[in-house]
Structure formats: structure tokens, C-alpha cells
Amino acid sequence: MNQALLLDDLPDALTIVETAVREAFNDVVCTTARSVREAMALIETNSFDLALVDLSLGDGHGRDVIAQLAQRQSNCAIVVSTIHDDDENLFQALQAGAQGYLLKDHPISWLATQLKGIVQGQPPLSPAIARRLLRHFQAAPPAKAPPLESREDLSAREREVLCLLAQGVRIAEIGESLGISRYTVGDHVKNIYRKLNISSRAEAALRARGMGLA
């Protein structure tokens, strides 16, 4: 991780997040923003490998920043850093493109360890959030669960892409590994999301584990 965007409107919270990021990645350059507007401007002019995004901000909601990053910088690992542990904020953030969800009440060393896991393809999730995700999928009525046919409908290439996606491999690197262009990888990712009825890397990682691909 070389460039990190840190978005939070509280100075103390920014300090905690920045300390965790620097502990996780020694040579990272941290750029901070304290508003949605400031973050959006930075996204226009900078490329980021990592973004830690708070949700409740004075001039808007962090999910708008997440969506912009996911659209414009597909190689950026986007992680929510927040106090909100409710379903609405969690699933809206994941649907917008977040690949991890951390609550701010953890020690800095624990946050740093979770962030390090991104390199190995481990979505950073607070235990309470992981439990909430599991309960959500376990509680879903059978009729709502993706049918077996939709899982088997993935082509061999799409299963390869899903496996690498679940490991946290970047789009461009997936293309290099499989000998295809990043645009072709993007098309495969869109098909995978559509067939599995998912909308984020975090969901892709969970689904890949369930399918025995990760």
C-alpha cells in the first residue's frame, strides 16, 4: 500500500486511523479529508491503494465517497471506519463498494492487524460485523438464497476470477495472472456479481468460501 485516503470529520478519529494505517504499512503516504467534498476533490486528482471512510460526515454520507472510489479507482481497497453497526449502514456501504467494515472502538494494534490482512485477501471486518453478516445470510428464507443453478452457472473462467477476487487480488493483477485484459476481467466480475446476486468484494469473498473456492 503506497497511497491511502483517510476520511473522517473528527481530528482524534483521524489520528487513530492514521496511526493504524502507518502501523500496518510502514511506507504508506496518508492523505486526509474531513468532508465529502474534500474527499471527492482528492479522488479526482489522486490515485489511492487504500481508503478508510467514515460514514456520518457534516456535509453528506461516506457511502457516496465509497461509490465514487469504487467506480473511478477499482484497484483501491475501500474500508469503512465507523461507529455505526446497524444493518442499514452496513449493507448500503457494501453495496456501494466497500470491501471491509471496521468499528472504531477497537485498539489501534488490532485495527492495524486487520488492515494488514488486505494484502492476503482477507476482508477487514470487526467481529460484530462478521456476525451480523452471517446472521443476515443464515436468516434469509430459502427462496431468497441464490439457487444452486446460479452458482453452477459460473463458467470455469468466472470461477477462476471469483477465486482471485476473493483473495483480494486487484483487477489488473487478475488480468495479468490469467493472461486477459483488465477490461475483460471487469466484464467477468460484472457477470459474477449478477449471477450470484452480490454487489461487493466482501460478499464475493463470503460466497467464494461457501462454494469452496477460497
Protein backbone atom coordinates (compact mmCIF):
# COMPACT_ATOMS: atom_id res chain seq x y z
CA MET A 1 0.00 0.00 0.00
CA ASN A 2 1.56 3.27 -1.11
CA GLN A 3 -1.22 5.87 -1.02
CA ALA A 4 -4.06 5.96 1.50
CA LEU A 5 -7.07 8.27 1.73
CA LEU A 6 -8.42 8.77 5.25
CA LEU A 7 -11.83 10.41 5.56
CA ASP A 8 -13.20 11.45 8.95
CA ASP A 9 -14.50 14.74 10.27
CA LEU A 10 -13.16 14.22 13.81
CA PRO A 11 -9.46 15.06 14.33
CA ASP A 12 -9.00 12.47 17.09
CA ALA A 13 -10.55 9.74 14.93
CA LEU A 14 -8.30 10.72 12.01
CA THR A 15 -5.27 10.41 14.26
CA ILE A 16 -6.30 6.92 15.38
CA VAL A 17 -6.98 5.75 11.83
CA GLU A 18 -3.75 7.21 10.50
CA THR A 19 -1.74 5.58 13.30
CA ALA A 20 -3.30 2.20 12.49
CA VAL A 21 -2.61 2.58 8.77
CA ARG A 22 1.02 3.57 9.35
CA GLU A 23 1.48 0.65 11.75
CA ALA A 24 0.10 -1.70 9.10
CA PHE A 25 2.04 -0.25 6.16
CA ASN A 26 5.34 1.42 7.01
CA ASP A 27 5.91 3.41 3.83
CA VAL A 28 2.32 4.47 3.15
CA VAL A 29 1.60 8.12 2.36
CA CYS A 30 -1.61 9.20 4.11
CA THR A 31 -3.85 11.92 2.68
CA THR A 32 -6.62 13.09 4.99
CA ALA A 33 -10.01 14.63 4.28
CA ARG A 34 -12.62 15.93 6.70
CA SER A 35 -15.63 16.24 4.39
CA VAL A 36 -17.31 14.51 1.48
CA ARG A 37 -16.50 17.48 -0.76
CA GLU A 38 -12.81 17.41 0.14
CA ALA A 39 -12.62 13.64 -0.41
CA MET A 40 -14.35 13.88 -3.79
CA ALA A 41 -11.85 16.51 -4.92
CA LEU A 42 -8.93 14.32 -3.85
CA ILE A 43 -10.33 11.34 -5.75
CA GLU A 44 -10.40 13.47 -8.90
CA THR A 45 -6.69 14.28 -8.71
CA ASN A 46 -5.07 11.35 -6.87
CA SER A 47 -4.87 7.57 -7.08
CA PHE A 48 -5.23 5.57 -3.87
CA ASP A 49 -4.41 1.98 -2.94
CA LEU A 50 -6.40 2.14 0.30
CA ALA A 51 -9.24 4.27 1.64
CA LEU A 52 -10.67 4.33 5.16
CA VAL A 53 -14.01 6.09 5.07
CA ASP A 54 -16.23 7.28 7.89
CA LEU A 55 -19.96 7.26 7.13
CA SER A 56 -21.53 10.16 9.04
CA LEU A 57 -19.99 13.40 7.84
CA GLY A 58 -21.01 17.01 8.19
CA ASP A 59 -21.75 17.55 4.52
CA GLY A 60 -23.02 14.12 3.47
CA HIS A 61 -22.63 10.37 3.74
CA GLY A 62 -19.47 8.34 3.29
CA ARG A 63 -21.22 5.84 1.01
CA ASP A 64 -21.16 8.48 -1.75
CA VAL A 65 -17.37 8.62 -1.47
CA ILE A 66 -17.23 4.82 -1.45
CA ALA A 67 -19.33 4.63 -4.62
CA GLN A 68 -17.15 7.22 -6.36
CA LEU A 69 -13.96 5.40 -5.40
CA ALA A 70 -15.36 2.03 -6.48
CA GLN A 71 -16.34 3.49 -9.84
CA ARG A 72 -13.21 5.52 -10.58
CA GLN A 73 -10.46 3.56 -8.78
CA SER A 74 -11.28 -0.14 -8.94
CA ASN A 75 -7.89 -1.14 -7.52
CA CYS A 76 -8.45 0.80 -4.29
CA ALA A 77 -9.22 -1.27 -1.19
CA ILE A 78 -12.13 0.56 0.45
CA VAL A 79 -12.73 0.02 4.17
CA VAL A 80 -15.41 1.64 6.31
CA SER A 81 -14.24 3.04 9.66
CA THR A 82 -17.26 4.00 11.74
CA ILE A 83 -19.24 3.74 14.97
CA HIS A 84 -22.35 2.52 13.12
CA ASP A 85 -23.00 -1.22 13.36
CA ASP A 86 -26.59 -1.29 12.08
CA ASP A 87 -27.79 -3.23 9.04
CA GLU A 88 -28.75 -0.16 7.02
CA ASN A 89 -25.31 1.45 7.12
CA LEU A 90 -23.51 -1.88 6.76
CA PHE A 91 -25.33 -3.11 3.68
CA GLN A 92 -25.52 0.28 2.00
CA ALA A 93 -21.75 0.60 2.37
CA LEU A 94 -21.13 -2.90 0.97
CA GLN A 95 -23.50 -2.27 -1.91
CA ALA A 96 -21.66 0.97 -2.68
CA GLY A 97 -18.38 -0.95 -2.98
CA ALA A 98 -16.81 -1.21 0.48
CA GLN A 99 -14.56 -4.26 0.91
CA GLY A 100 -14.27 -4.11 4.69
CA TYR A 101 -16.09 -2.68 7.70
CA LEU A 102 -14.29 -1.77 10.94
CA LEU A 103 -15.73 -0.27 14.10
CA LYS A 104 -13.68 2.48 15.70
CA ASP A 105 -13.81 1.08 19.23
CA HIS A 106 -11.03 -1.45 18.64
CA PRO A 107 -7.40 -0.92 19.78
CA ILE A 108 -5.07 0.57 17.18
CA SER A 109 -2.94 -2.59 17.07
CA TRP A 110 -6.00 -4.70 16.27
CA LEU A 111 -7.07 -2.32 13.51
CA ALA A 112 -3.57 -2.45 12.05
CA THR A 113 -3.62 -6.25 12.03
CA GLN A 114 -6.95 -6.26 10.21
CA LEU A 115 -5.61 -3.82 7.61
CA LYS A 116 -2.51 -5.96 7.03
CA GLY A 117 -4.81 -8.82 6.10
CA ILE A 118 -5.92 -6.95 2.99
CA VAL A 119 -2.66 -7.94 1.30
CA GLN A 120 -3.54 -11.63 1.83
CA GLY A 121 -7.08 -11.10 0.57
CA GLN A 122 -8.73 -11.10 4.00
CA PRO A 123 -11.59 -8.57 4.17
CA PRO A 124 -11.12 -6.49 7.34
CA LEU A 125 -14.24 -6.99 9.43
CA SER A 126 -14.96 -6.28 13.07
CA PRO A 127 -16.23 -9.45 14.81
CA ALA A 128 -19.62 -7.85 15.46
CA ILE A 129 -19.94 -7.04 11.75
CA ALA A 130 -18.90 -10.54 10.67
CA ARG A 131 -21.55 -11.99 12.99
CA ARG A 132 -24.16 -9.62 11.59
CA LEU A 133 -23.31 -10.67 8.03
CA LEU A 134 -23.53 -14.35 8.93
CA ARG A 135 -26.87 -13.86 10.69
CA HIS A 136 -28.19 -11.98 7.67
CA PHE A 137 -27.38 -14.79 5.24
CA GLN A 138 -28.37 -17.55 7.65
CA ALA A 139 -31.71 -15.88 8.38
CA ALA A 140 -32.59 -15.36 4.73
CA PRO A 141 -35.55 -17.56 3.65
CA PRO A 142 -34.58 -20.42 1.32
CA ALA A 143 -36.44 -18.77 -1.52
CA LYS A 144 -34.18 -15.74 -1.23
CA ALA A 145 -30.92 -17.71 -1.35
CA PRO A 146 -29.19 -17.96 -4.72
CA PRO A 147 -30.26 -21.30 -6.21
CA LEU A 148 -27.66 -23.99 -6.86
CA GLU A 149 -28.10 -23.49 -10.59
CA SER A 150 -26.93 -19.88 -10.34
CA ARG A 151 -23.73 -20.99 -8.62
CA GLU A 152 -23.09 -23.74 -11.12
CA ASP A 153 -23.86 -21.30 -13.93
CA LEU A 154 -20.46 -19.68 -13.43
CA SER A 155 -18.09 -20.54 -16.24
CA ALA A 156 -14.67 -22.02 -15.49
CA ARG A 157 -13.09 -18.62 -16.18
CA GLU A 158 -15.58 -16.85 -13.91
CA ARG A 159 -14.77 -19.29 -11.11
CA GLU A 160 -11.08 -18.50 -11.58
CA VAL A 161 -11.79 -14.77 -11.41
CA LEU A 162 -14.03 -15.21 -8.34
CA CYS A 163 -11.32 -17.19 -6.58
CA LEU A 164 -8.73 -14.47 -7.18
CA LEU A 165 -11.23 -11.73 -6.38
CA ALA A 166 -11.97 -13.37 -3.03
CA GLN A 167 -8.23 -13.41 -2.27
CA GLY A 168 -8.11 -9.63 -2.66
CA VAL A 169 -6.16 -9.69 -5.93
CA ARG A 170 -6.56 -6.44 -7.87
CA ILE A 171 -8.36 -6.32 -11.19
CA ALA A 172 -5.22 -5.54 -13.19
CA GLU A 173 -3.29 -8.33 -11.43
CA ILE A 174 -6.09 -10.82 -12.10
CA GLY A 175 -5.78 -9.94 -15.78
CA GLU A 176 -2.01 -10.46 -15.72
CA SER A 177 -2.38 -13.79 -13.90
CA LEU A 178 -4.96 -15.12 -16.36
CA GLY A 179 -3.48 -13.54 -19.48
CA ILE A 180 -6.50 -11.35 -20.22
CA SER A 181 -7.11 -7.60 -20.19
CA ARG A 182 -8.38 -5.78 -17.12
CA TYR A 183 -11.47 -4.83 -19.14
CA THR A 184 -12.24 -8.50 -19.78
CA VAL A 185 -11.76 -9.14 -16.06
CA GLY A 186 -14.21 -6.32 -15.37
CA ASP A 187 -16.78 -7.98 -17.61
CA HIS A 188 -16.29 -11.28 -15.79
CA VAL A 189 -16.73 -9.53 -12.41
CA LYS A 190 -19.99 -7.95 -13.57
CA ASN A 191 -21.27 -11.35 -14.71
CA ILE A 192 -20.25 -12.96 -11.41
CA TYR A 193 -22.00 -10.27 -9.37
CA ARG A 194 -25.13 -10.63 -11.50
CA LYS A 195 -25.23 -14.42 -11.38
CA LEU A 196 -24.57 -14.60 -7.61
CA ASN A 197 -26.76 -11.59 -6.81
CA ILE A 198 -23.95 -9.78 -4.96
CA SER A 199 -22.52 -6.30 -5.20
CA SER A 200 -19.18 -6.11 -3.37
CA ARG A 201 -15.84 -7.86 -2.85
CA ALA A 202 -16.79 -8.67 0.75
CA GLU A 203 -19.87 -10.56 -0.44
CA ALA A 204 -17.79 -12.20 -3.19
CA ALA A 205 -15.30 -13.45 -0.59
CA LEU A 206 -18.08 -14.90 1.57
CA ARG A 207 -19.76 -16.54 -1.41
CA ALA A 208 -16.46 -17.95 -2.72
CA ARG A 209 -15.82 -19.56 0.66
CA GLY A 210 -19.29 -21.08 0.59
CA MET A 211 -18.58 -22.51 -2.86
CA GLY A 212 -15.25 -23.95 -1.76
CA LEU A 213 -13.24 -21.57 -3.96
CA ALA A 214 -11.42 -19.73 -1.15
